[in-house]
Protein backbone atom coordinates (compact mmCIF):
# COMPACT_ATOMS: atom_id res chain seq x y z
CA MET A 1 -16.43 6.58 32.64
CA ARG A 2 -13.20 5.32 34.18
CA ARG A 3 -13.84 1.81 32.89
CA GLY A 4 -14.21 3.08 29.33
CA LEU A 5 -10.98 5.05 29.55
CA ASP A 6 -9.12 2.05 30.94
CA LEU A 7 -10.22 -0.06 27.97
CA VAL A 8 -9.16 2.62 25.52
CA ALA A 9 -5.73 2.71 27.12
CA LEU A 10 -5.45 -1.07 26.74
CA LEU A 11 -6.38 -0.99 23.05
CA VAL A 12 -4.05 1.84 22.19
CA GLY A 13 -1.12 -0.05 24.06
CA VAL A 14 -1.26 1.99 17.67
CA ALA A 15 -2.03 15.84 -0.71
CA VAL A 16 -4.75 13.23 -1.63
CA MET A 17 -5.99 12.94 -5.22
CA TRP A 18 -8.47 10.66 -6.93
CA PRO A 19 -6.59 8.92 -9.78
CA PRO A 20 -9.20 7.96 -12.39
CA ALA A 21 -6.76 5.65 -14.17
CA LEU A 22 -6.06 3.52 -11.09
CA SER A 23 -7.79 0.18 -11.63
CA ALA A 24 -8.76 -2.64 -9.29
CA GLN A 25 -5.84 -4.79 -8.32
CA SER A 26 -5.39 -7.92 -10.40
CA PRO A 27 -4.94 -11.24 -8.57
CA ASP A 28 -1.73 -11.58 -10.58
CA ALA A 29 -0.40 -8.14 -9.63
CA ALA A 30 3.17 -8.27 -8.40
CA ILE A 31 3.22 -7.81 -4.62
CA PRO A 32 6.74 -7.51 -3.18
CA GLU A 33 7.87 -10.48 -1.16
CA ILE A 34 8.60 -9.61 2.46
CA ARG A 35 12.16 -10.39 3.53
CA VAL A 36 14.14 -10.25 6.74
CA GLY A 37 15.61 -6.75 7.03
CA ASP A 38 12.68 -4.96 5.38
CA GLY A 39 11.33 -2.10 7.42
CA TRP A 40 9.05 0.90 7.52
CA VAL A 41 9.61 4.11 9.49
CA TYR A 42 6.59 6.11 10.67
CA ASP A 43 5.89 9.41 12.36
CA ARG A 44 2.98 9.26 14.80
CA LYS A 45 0.98 12.33 15.78
CA ASP A 46 -2.01 13.20 17.95
CA ASP A 47 -4.69 14.39 15.53
CA ILE A 48 -6.67 16.20 18.20
CA SER A 49 -3.84 18.41 19.42
CA GLY A 50 -1.69 18.20 16.30
CA SER A 51 1.31 17.34 18.48
CA PRO A 52 3.95 14.79 17.40
CA ILE A 53 4.03 11.63 19.52
CA GLY A 54 7.15 9.96 18.19
CA THR A 55 8.91 8.10 15.40
CA PHE A 56 9.07 4.33 15.23
CA THR A 57 10.44 1.63 12.94
CA SER A 58 8.78 -1.70 12.21
CA LEU A 59 11.59 -4.07 11.16
CA VAL A 60 11.13 -7.63 9.87
CA THR A 61 13.29 -10.01 11.91
CA GLU A 62 11.92 -13.39 10.81
CA VAL A 63 9.80 -14.79 7.98
CA SER A 64 8.29 -18.28 7.91
CA PRO A 65 5.57 -19.83 5.71
CA GLN A 66 3.03 -18.88 8.40
CA GLU A 67 4.35 -15.70 10.02
CA ILE A 68 6.08 -12.37 9.61
CA VAL A 69 7.81 -11.38 12.85
CA THR A 70 8.59 -7.70 13.38
CA GLN A 71 10.43 -5.67 15.97
CA VAL A 72 9.12 -2.19 16.74
CA ASN A 73 11.66 0.37 17.90
CA TYR A 74 10.76 3.88 19.07
CA ARG A 75 13.34 6.55 18.36
CA GLY A 76 14.98 7.86 21.50
CA LYS A 77 13.56 5.15 23.75
CA ASN A 78 15.12 1.99 25.16
CA GLY A 79 13.59 -1.41 24.54
CA HIS A 80 11.45 -2.65 21.69
CA GLY A 81 8.14 -4.34 20.97
CA LEU A 82 7.34 -7.62 19.24
CA VAL A 83 4.50 -7.84 16.73
CA VAL A 84 3.72 -11.00 14.76
CA PHE A 85 1.60 -11.03 11.60
CA ASP A 86 0.32 -13.62 9.19
CA HIS A 87 1.14 -13.02 5.50
CA ASP A 88 -2.02 -10.94 5.01
CA TRP A 89 -0.80 -8.51 7.72
CA ASN A 90 -3.29 -9.64 10.35
CA ARG A 91 -1.76 -9.47 13.83
CA THR A 92 -1.61 -12.67 15.87
CA LEU A 93 0.57 -11.26 18.65
CA ASP A 94 1.22 -7.69 19.78
CA ASN A 95 3.59 -7.70 22.75
CA ASN A 96 1.44 -9.09 25.61
CA ILE A 97 -1.75 -9.34 23.56
CA LYS A 98 -2.54 -12.59 21.72
CA TYR A 99 -5.27 -12.76 19.05
CA LYS A 100 -7.28 -15.80 17.92
CA PRO A 101 -7.40 -16.44 15.02
CA ASN A 102 -6.06 -12.91 14.36
CA ASP A 103 -7.12 -9.29 14.78
CA GLY A 104 -8.47 -8.71 11.25
CA HIS A 105 -6.09 -5.78 10.79
CA GLY A 106 -4.73 -7.02 7.47
CA VAL A 107 -5.88 -7.07 3.86
CA ARG A 108 -7.61 -9.61 1.66
CA MET A 109 -6.28 -9.83 -1.86
CA PRO A 110 -7.21 -8.94 -4.51
CA LEU A 111 -8.31 -5.48 -3.37
CA ALA A 112 -11.06 -3.55 -5.13
CA VAL A 113 -13.39 -0.72 -4.15
CA SER A 114 -16.50 -1.97 -2.29
CA LYS A 115 -14.89 -5.27 -1.29
CA GLU A 116 -15.54 -6.02 2.37
CA TRP A 117 -14.84 -8.74 4.91
CA ARG A 118 -15.88 -9.54 8.46
CA LEU A 119 -14.18 -11.29 11.36
CA GLU A 120 -15.03 -12.43 14.86
CA TYR A 121 -12.04 -12.92 17.13
CA THR A 122 -10.88 -13.01 20.73
CA PHE A 123 -7.80 -11.59 22.37
CA SER A 124 -6.22 -11.73 25.78
CA ASN A 125 -3.63 -9.67 27.61
CA ALA A 126 -1.13 -11.92 29.38
CA LYS A 127 0.03 -9.03 31.55
CA ASN A 128 -3.25 -8.07 33.20
CA GLY A 129 -5.44 -11.10 32.42
CA VAL A 130 -8.11 -9.16 30.51
CA ASN A 131 -10.00 -11.26 27.93
CA MET A 132 -11.92 -9.61 25.11
CA LYS A 133 -14.22 -10.58 22.25
CA ALA A 134 -14.51 -8.52 19.09
CA THR A 135 -16.16 -8.16 15.70
CA SER A 136 -14.56 -6.34 12.79
CA LEU A 137 -15.91 -5.09 9.48
CA SER A 138 -13.40 -3.92 6.86
CA LYS A 139 -14.37 -2.28 3.57
CA VAL A 140 -12.32 -0.85 0.71
CA VAL A 141 -13.90 2.58 0.30
CA ALA A 142 -11.66 4.30 -2.26
CA GLN A 143 -8.51 4.30 -4.35
CA GLU A 144 -6.30 7.28 -3.64
CA SER A 145 -2.88 8.60 -4.52
CA VAL A 146 -1.18 9.49 -1.25
CA THR A 147 2.00 11.54 -0.83
CA THR A 148 4.10 11.20 2.31
CA PRO A 149 7.77 12.01 3.05
CA ALA A 150 8.53 8.50 1.72
CA GLY A 151 7.07 9.25 -1.73
CA THR A 152 3.82 9.07 -3.67
CA PHE A 153 1.85 5.82 -3.65
CA ASP A 154 -1.28 4.43 -5.28
CA THR A 155 -3.30 3.09 -2.37
CA PHE A 156 -6.51 1.35 -1.42
CA LYS A 157 -8.26 3.12 1.45
CA ILE A 158 -9.75 0.64 3.93
CA ASP A 159 -12.28 1.62 6.59
CA ARG A 160 -12.28 -0.87 9.47
CA GLN A 161 -14.97 -0.67 12.16
CA ILE A 162 -14.39 -2.59 15.40
CA LYS A 163 -16.56 -3.46 18.40
CA GLU A 164 -14.90 -5.02 21.46
CA PHE A 165 -16.22 -6.02 24.84
CA ASN A 166 -14.83 -7.52 28.01
CA VAL A 167 -15.74 -11.20 28.41
CA ALA A 168 -16.22 -10.68 32.15
CA ASP A 169 -18.54 -7.71 31.58
CA PRO A 170 -20.18 -7.60 28.11
CA SER A 171 -21.70 -4.21 28.91
CA ARG A 172 -18.25 -2.62 28.68
CA LEU A 173 -18.33 -2.03 24.93
CA VAL A 174 -15.49 -0.24 23.17
CA GLU A 175 -15.83 0.95 19.57
CA SER A 176 -12.93 2.01 17.40
CA GLN A 177 -12.08 2.71 13.78
CA TYR A 178 -9.03 2.29 11.60
CA LEU A 179 -8.60 4.16 8.33
CA MET A 180 -5.75 2.52 6.44
CA TRP A 181 -4.11 3.43 3.15
CA PHE A 182 -2.48 0.25 1.83
CA ALA A 183 0.01 0.46 -1.07
CA PRO A 184 0.39 -2.86 -2.93
CA GLN A 185 3.63 -1.60 -4.53
CA ILE A 186 5.36 -1.81 -1.13
CA ASN A 187 3.05 -4.40 0.46
CA HIS A 188 2.40 -2.15 3.43
CA TRP A 189 0.51 0.84 4.78
CA VAL A 190 1.60 4.38 4.00
CA ARG A 191 -0.86 5.95 6.43
CA ARG A 192 -3.07 4.70 9.28
CA THR A 193 -5.49 6.66 11.44
CA PHE A 194 -6.80 5.09 14.65
CA ILE A 195 -9.89 6.53 16.33
CA ALA A 196 -10.66 5.16 19.82
CA LYS A 197 -14.08 5.65 21.38
CA ALA A 198 -15.60 4.93 24.79
CA GLU A 199 -19.23 5.48 25.75
CA LYS A 200 -19.84 6.60 22.15
CA ARG A 201 -17.39 9.49 22.45
CA VAL A 202 -14.04 9.91 20.71
CA ARG A 203 -11.24 9.56 23.25
CA SER A 204 -8.18 9.70 21.03
CA THR A 205 -7.19 9.96 17.38
CA THR A 206 -3.69 9.21 16.13
CA THR A 207 -2.15 8.94 12.67
CA ASP A 208 0.95 7.04 11.55
CA GLU A 209 2.53 8.35 8.33
CA LEU A 210 5.28 6.58 6.42
CA ILE A 211 8.50 8.58 6.20
CA GLU A 212 10.94 5.93 4.95
CA VAL A 213 11.00 2.44 3.44
CA VAL A 214 13.96 0.30 4.49
CA HIS A 215 15.30 -2.61 2.41
CA LYS A 216 18.02 -5.07 3.33
CA PRO A 217 21.11 -4.38 1.18
């Protein structure tokens, strides 16, 4: 039991309508270009207790042909985190955790309901030396109009199922799920729900909801 909880801690250390007129995204649809100074502010809450966890900002600090580098700042706390993405919003680095080739957390354009993609990847934690292998299956399950404090957005809802195990002990399997509402009009998520499981039981559920979009003047 303790082993499962330890792995969950490592992995966490992250009015709906059906719009009948919303069509599948065209490959030529205009997706905003990400620029230095762009940012997104989220409120995070514990879905089990309903309690707020905190507010954080993901701010773009560098853009290259290969990477989008972001700094994550939590309101009321000192210090910040570093998260590096490719241009499809797959993470390659999350503070001490490095992914190869990436973590499959991003999107694959063009998006359309029923589209799915799979990924096998590895990741390692430079701080504690833990090495993991993982498989990920992402599927676009719906198109929804989502309203948050930041506005109303036409989104693609993506269900991502993940299985991860410790290379040193393959029996230590951790399963988790991301539900992500991605809005092409801002090239980012407006809502994300993360469900962590250990020993086939839900251990934690958190949701990030967009409250503000920041653009460089």
